[in-house]
Amino acid sequence: MNLGTLIVGPREHVVAVAELDDTAAAELGPLLRDTARVVETLCRPEQTYVCMWSHGRDARKHLHIAVQPVTAEVRARWAAL
């Protein structure tokens, strides 16, 4: 994860977005929006990606959502991949 990446996770143990209860699901959109705004303000990236991670070795483990800024510097470091 590059500098400025923030991880969002549910308070309760769930392994998929489909498992979120109604309250958690209703909170998720505004929380991700606000988190992305913080990343945008602090890092001034060309793009901010939001992606879900839940993998363990052999099965889903716990839901995490990465809010990751991608700047020109990051793209140059990884040859724009």
N, C-alpha and C. Protein backbone atom coordinates (compact mmCIF):
# COMPACT_ATOMS: atom_id res chain seq x y z
N MET A 1 0.84 -1.18 0.00
CA MET A 1 0.00 0.00 0.00
C MET A 1 0.89 1.24 0.00
N ASN A 2 0.53 2.18 -0.82
CA ASN A 2 1.34 3.39 -0.88
C ASN A 2 0.91 4.41 0.17
N LEU A 3 1.75 5.39 0.37
CA LEU A 3 1.51 6.43 1.36
C LEU A 3 0.17 7.10 1.13
N GLY A 4 -0.61 7.26 2.19
CA GLY A 4 -1.91 7.89 2.11
C GLY A 4 -3.07 6.93 2.05
N THR A 5 -2.79 5.64 1.90
CA THR A 5 -3.86 4.64 1.84
C THR A 5 -4.50 4.50 3.22
N LEU A 6 -5.81 4.52 3.25
CA LEU A 6 -6.56 4.30 4.48
C LEU A 6 -7.38 3.03 4.33
N ILE A 7 -7.51 2.28 5.42
CA ILE A 7 -8.29 1.05 5.42
C ILE A 7 -9.55 1.26 6.24
N VAL A 8 -10.68 0.91 5.67
CA VAL A 8 -11.98 0.99 6.33
C VAL A 8 -12.44 -0.44 6.60
N GLY A 9 -12.91 -0.69 7.80
CA GLY A 9 -13.41 -2.02 8.13
C GLY A 9 -14.62 -1.94 9.03
N PRO A 10 -15.51 -2.91 8.94
CA PRO A 10 -16.69 -2.90 9.79
C PRO A 10 -16.34 -3.19 11.25
N ARG A 11 -17.16 -2.68 12.15
CA ARG A 11 -16.95 -2.94 13.58
C ARG A 11 -17.18 -4.40 13.91
N GLU A 12 -18.20 -4.98 13.31
CA GLU A 12 -18.52 -6.39 13.53
C GLU A 12 -17.72 -7.24 12.54
N HIS A 13 -17.49 -8.48 12.91
CA HIS A 13 -16.77 -9.38 12.02
C HIS A 13 -17.67 -9.84 10.88
N VAL A 14 -17.35 -9.43 9.68
CA VAL A 14 -18.00 -9.92 8.46
C VAL A 14 -16.91 -10.15 7.43
N VAL A 15 -17.21 -11.01 6.47
CA VAL A 15 -16.20 -11.32 5.46
C VAL A 15 -16.58 -10.84 4.06
N ALA A 16 -17.78 -10.25 3.92
CA ALA A 16 -18.23 -9.81 2.61
C ALA A 16 -19.21 -8.65 2.76
N VAL A 17 -19.27 -7.81 1.75
CA VAL A 17 -20.22 -6.71 1.75
C VAL A 17 -21.64 -7.24 1.89
N ALA A 18 -21.91 -8.37 1.29
CA ALA A 18 -23.25 -8.97 1.35
C ALA A 18 -23.68 -9.33 2.77
N GLU A 19 -22.74 -9.44 3.68
CA GLU A 19 -23.06 -9.79 5.07
C GLU A 19 -23.34 -8.57 5.95
N LEU A 20 -23.14 -7.37 5.44
CA LEU A 20 -23.38 -6.18 6.26
C LEU A 20 -24.86 -6.07 6.62
N ASP A 21 -25.14 -5.70 7.87
CA ASP A 21 -26.54 -5.47 8.25
C ASP A 21 -26.97 -4.12 7.68
N ASP A 22 -28.25 -3.80 7.80
CA ASP A 22 -28.77 -2.58 7.19
C ASP A 22 -28.09 -1.31 7.72
N THR A 23 -27.81 -1.29 9.01
CA THR A 23 -27.17 -0.11 9.59
C THR A 23 -25.76 0.08 9.04
N ALA A 24 -24.98 -0.99 9.03
CA ALA A 24 -23.61 -0.91 8.52
C ALA A 24 -23.60 -0.55 7.03
N ALA A 25 -24.52 -1.12 6.27
CA ALA A 25 -24.59 -0.83 4.84
C ALA A 25 -24.93 0.65 4.61
N ALA A 26 -25.84 1.19 5.41
CA ALA A 26 -26.23 2.59 5.28
C ALA A 26 -25.09 3.53 5.66
N GLU A 27 -24.24 3.11 6.58
CA GLU A 27 -23.11 3.93 7.01
C GLU A 27 -21.94 3.86 6.04
N LEU A 28 -21.84 2.78 5.28
CA LEU A 28 -20.67 2.53 4.44
C LEU A 28 -20.47 3.59 3.35
N GLY A 29 -21.51 3.94 2.63
CA GLY A 29 -21.36 4.91 1.54
C GLY A 29 -20.82 6.25 2.02
N PRO A 30 -21.48 6.88 3.00
CA PRO A 30 -20.95 8.16 3.50
C PRO A 30 -19.55 8.04 4.10
N LEU A 31 -19.26 6.92 4.77
CA LEU A 31 -17.94 6.73 5.36
C LEU A 31 -16.87 6.63 4.27
N LEU A 32 -17.14 5.88 3.21
CA LEU A 32 -16.18 5.78 2.12
C LEU A 32 -16.01 7.13 1.41
N ARG A 33 -17.10 7.86 1.22
CA ARG A 33 -17.01 9.19 0.62
C ARG A 33 -16.14 10.10 1.46
N ASP A 34 -16.38 10.12 2.77
CA ASP A 34 -15.61 11.00 3.65
C ASP A 34 -14.15 10.59 3.70
N THR A 35 -13.89 9.28 3.71
CA THR A 35 -12.52 8.78 3.71
C THR A 35 -11.81 9.18 2.43
N ALA A 36 -12.49 9.05 1.29
CA ALA A 36 -11.90 9.45 0.01
C ALA A 36 -11.63 10.95 -0.01
N ARG A 37 -12.49 11.73 0.60
CA ARG A 37 -12.26 13.18 0.66
C ARG A 37 -11.01 13.52 1.46
N VAL A 38 -10.79 12.80 2.55
CA VAL A 38 -9.58 13.01 3.34
C VAL A 38 -8.35 12.66 2.51
N VAL A 39 -8.38 11.51 1.85
CA VAL A 39 -7.25 11.09 1.01
C VAL A 39 -7.01 12.12 -0.10
N GLU A 40 -8.07 12.58 -0.74
CA GLU A 40 -7.93 13.57 -1.82
C GLU A 40 -7.32 14.88 -1.30
N THR A 41 -7.77 15.31 -0.14
CA THR A 41 -7.27 16.57 0.44
C THR A 41 -5.81 16.47 0.82
N LEU A 42 -5.43 15.38 1.46
CA LEU A 42 -4.06 15.24 1.95
C LEU A 42 -3.06 14.90 0.86
N CYS A 43 -3.46 14.07 -0.10
CA CYS A 43 -2.51 13.54 -1.07
C CYS A 43 -2.58 14.17 -2.45
N ARG A 44 -3.69 14.82 -2.77
CA ARG A 44 -3.89 15.43 -4.08
C ARG A 44 -3.56 14.45 -5.22
N PRO A 45 -4.13 13.25 -5.18
CA PRO A 45 -3.81 12.26 -6.21
C PRO A 45 -4.52 12.54 -7.53
N GLU A 46 -4.01 11.93 -8.58
CA GLU A 46 -4.70 11.99 -9.87
C GLU A 46 -5.94 11.09 -9.83
N GLN A 47 -5.90 10.05 -9.00
CA GLN A 47 -7.00 9.11 -8.90
C GLN A 47 -7.01 8.52 -7.49
N THR A 48 -8.19 8.27 -6.95
CA THR A 48 -8.31 7.56 -5.68
C THR A 48 -9.13 6.31 -5.94
N TYR A 49 -8.57 5.16 -5.61
CA TYR A 49 -9.23 3.88 -5.82
C TYR A 49 -9.83 3.39 -4.52
N VAL A 50 -10.97 2.75 -4.61
CA VAL A 50 -11.62 2.13 -3.47
C VAL A 50 -11.83 0.67 -3.85
N CYS A 51 -11.22 -0.25 -3.08
CA CYS A 51 -11.36 -1.66 -3.40
C CYS A 51 -11.46 -2.50 -2.13
N MET A 52 -12.14 -3.62 -2.25
CA MET A 52 -12.40 -4.49 -1.13
C MET A 52 -11.37 -5.61 -1.07
N TRP A 53 -10.96 -5.94 0.15
CA TRP A 53 -10.06 -7.06 0.41
C TRP A 53 -10.68 -7.91 1.51
N SER A 54 -10.68 -9.21 1.33
CA SER A 54 -11.26 -10.09 2.35
C SER A 54 -10.58 -11.45 2.36
N HIS A 55 -9.46 -11.57 1.68
CA HIS A 55 -8.89 -12.89 1.51
C HIS A 55 -8.03 -13.34 2.69
N GLY A 56 -8.10 -14.61 2.94
CA GLY A 56 -7.22 -15.28 3.86
C GLY A 56 -6.49 -16.35 3.07
N ARG A 57 -5.80 -17.21 3.73
CA ARG A 57 -5.04 -18.24 3.02
C ARG A 57 -5.95 -19.14 2.19
N ASP A 58 -6.99 -19.67 2.81
CA ASP A 58 -7.87 -20.63 2.11
C ASP A 58 -9.32 -20.18 2.02
N ALA A 59 -9.66 -19.07 2.65
CA ALA A 59 -11.05 -18.62 2.66
C ALA A 59 -11.09 -17.13 2.98
N ARG A 60 -12.26 -16.56 2.85
CA ARG A 60 -12.43 -15.16 3.25
C ARG A 60 -12.11 -15.03 4.73
N LYS A 61 -11.51 -13.88 5.10
CA LYS A 61 -11.07 -13.72 6.47
C LYS A 61 -11.80 -12.60 7.20
N HIS A 62 -11.71 -11.38 6.71
CA HIS A 62 -12.39 -10.23 7.31
C HIS A 62 -12.45 -9.13 6.26
N LEU A 63 -13.56 -8.43 6.21
CA LEU A 63 -13.76 -7.39 5.22
C LEU A 63 -12.91 -6.16 5.54
N HIS A 64 -12.12 -5.74 4.57
CA HIS A 64 -11.36 -4.49 4.64
C HIS A 64 -11.56 -3.78 3.31
N ILE A 65 -11.69 -2.48 3.35
CA ILE A 65 -11.83 -1.70 2.13
C ILE A 65 -10.70 -0.68 2.10
N ALA A 66 -9.89 -0.76 1.06
CA ALA A 66 -8.75 0.15 0.91
C ALA A 66 -9.17 1.37 0.11
N VAL A 67 -8.84 2.54 0.61
CA VAL A 67 -9.04 3.81 -0.09
C VAL A 67 -7.64 4.30 -0.40
N GLN A 68 -7.25 4.17 -1.67
CA GLN A 68 -5.84 4.32 -2.04
C GLN A 68 -5.63 5.42 -3.08
N PRO A 69 -4.83 6.43 -2.71
CA PRO A 69 -4.52 7.48 -3.69
C PRO A 69 -3.42 7.01 -4.64
N VAL A 70 -3.56 7.39 -5.90
CA VAL A 70 -2.52 7.09 -6.88
C VAL A 70 -2.09 8.43 -7.49
N THR A 71 -0.85 8.76 -7.24
CA THR A 71 -0.26 10.01 -7.74
C THR A 71 0.66 9.72 -8.92
N ALA A 72 1.10 10.77 -9.58
CA ALA A 72 2.06 10.61 -10.68
C ALA A 72 3.33 9.93 -10.16
N GLU A 73 3.74 10.26 -8.93
CA GLU A 73 4.93 9.64 -8.35
C GLU A 73 4.75 8.14 -8.19
N VAL A 74 3.59 7.71 -7.72
CA VAL A 74 3.32 6.27 -7.57
C VAL A 74 3.32 5.59 -8.94
N ARG A 75 2.68 6.22 -9.91
CA ARG A 75 2.64 5.63 -11.25
C ARG A 75 4.04 5.51 -11.84
N ALA A 76 4.88 6.51 -11.62
CA ALA A 76 6.25 6.47 -12.14
C ALA A 76 7.05 5.36 -11.47
N ARG A 77 6.86 5.22 -10.18
CA ARG A 77 7.59 4.20 -9.42
C ARG A 77 7.25 2.78 -9.93
N TRP A 78 6.01 2.58 -10.33
CA TRP A 78 5.57 1.26 -10.77
C TRP A 78 5.38 1.19 -12.27
N ALA A 79 6.01 2.06 -13.02
CA ALA A 79 5.95 2.09 -14.47
C ALA A 79 4.50 2.14 -14.97
N ALA A 80 3.68 2.93 -14.27
CA ALA A 80 2.27 3.20 -14.64
C ALA A 80 1.38 1.97 -14.59
N LEU A 81 1.79 0.93 -13.86
CA LEU A 81 0.94 -0.27 -13.74
C LEU A 81 -0.06 -0.09 -12.64
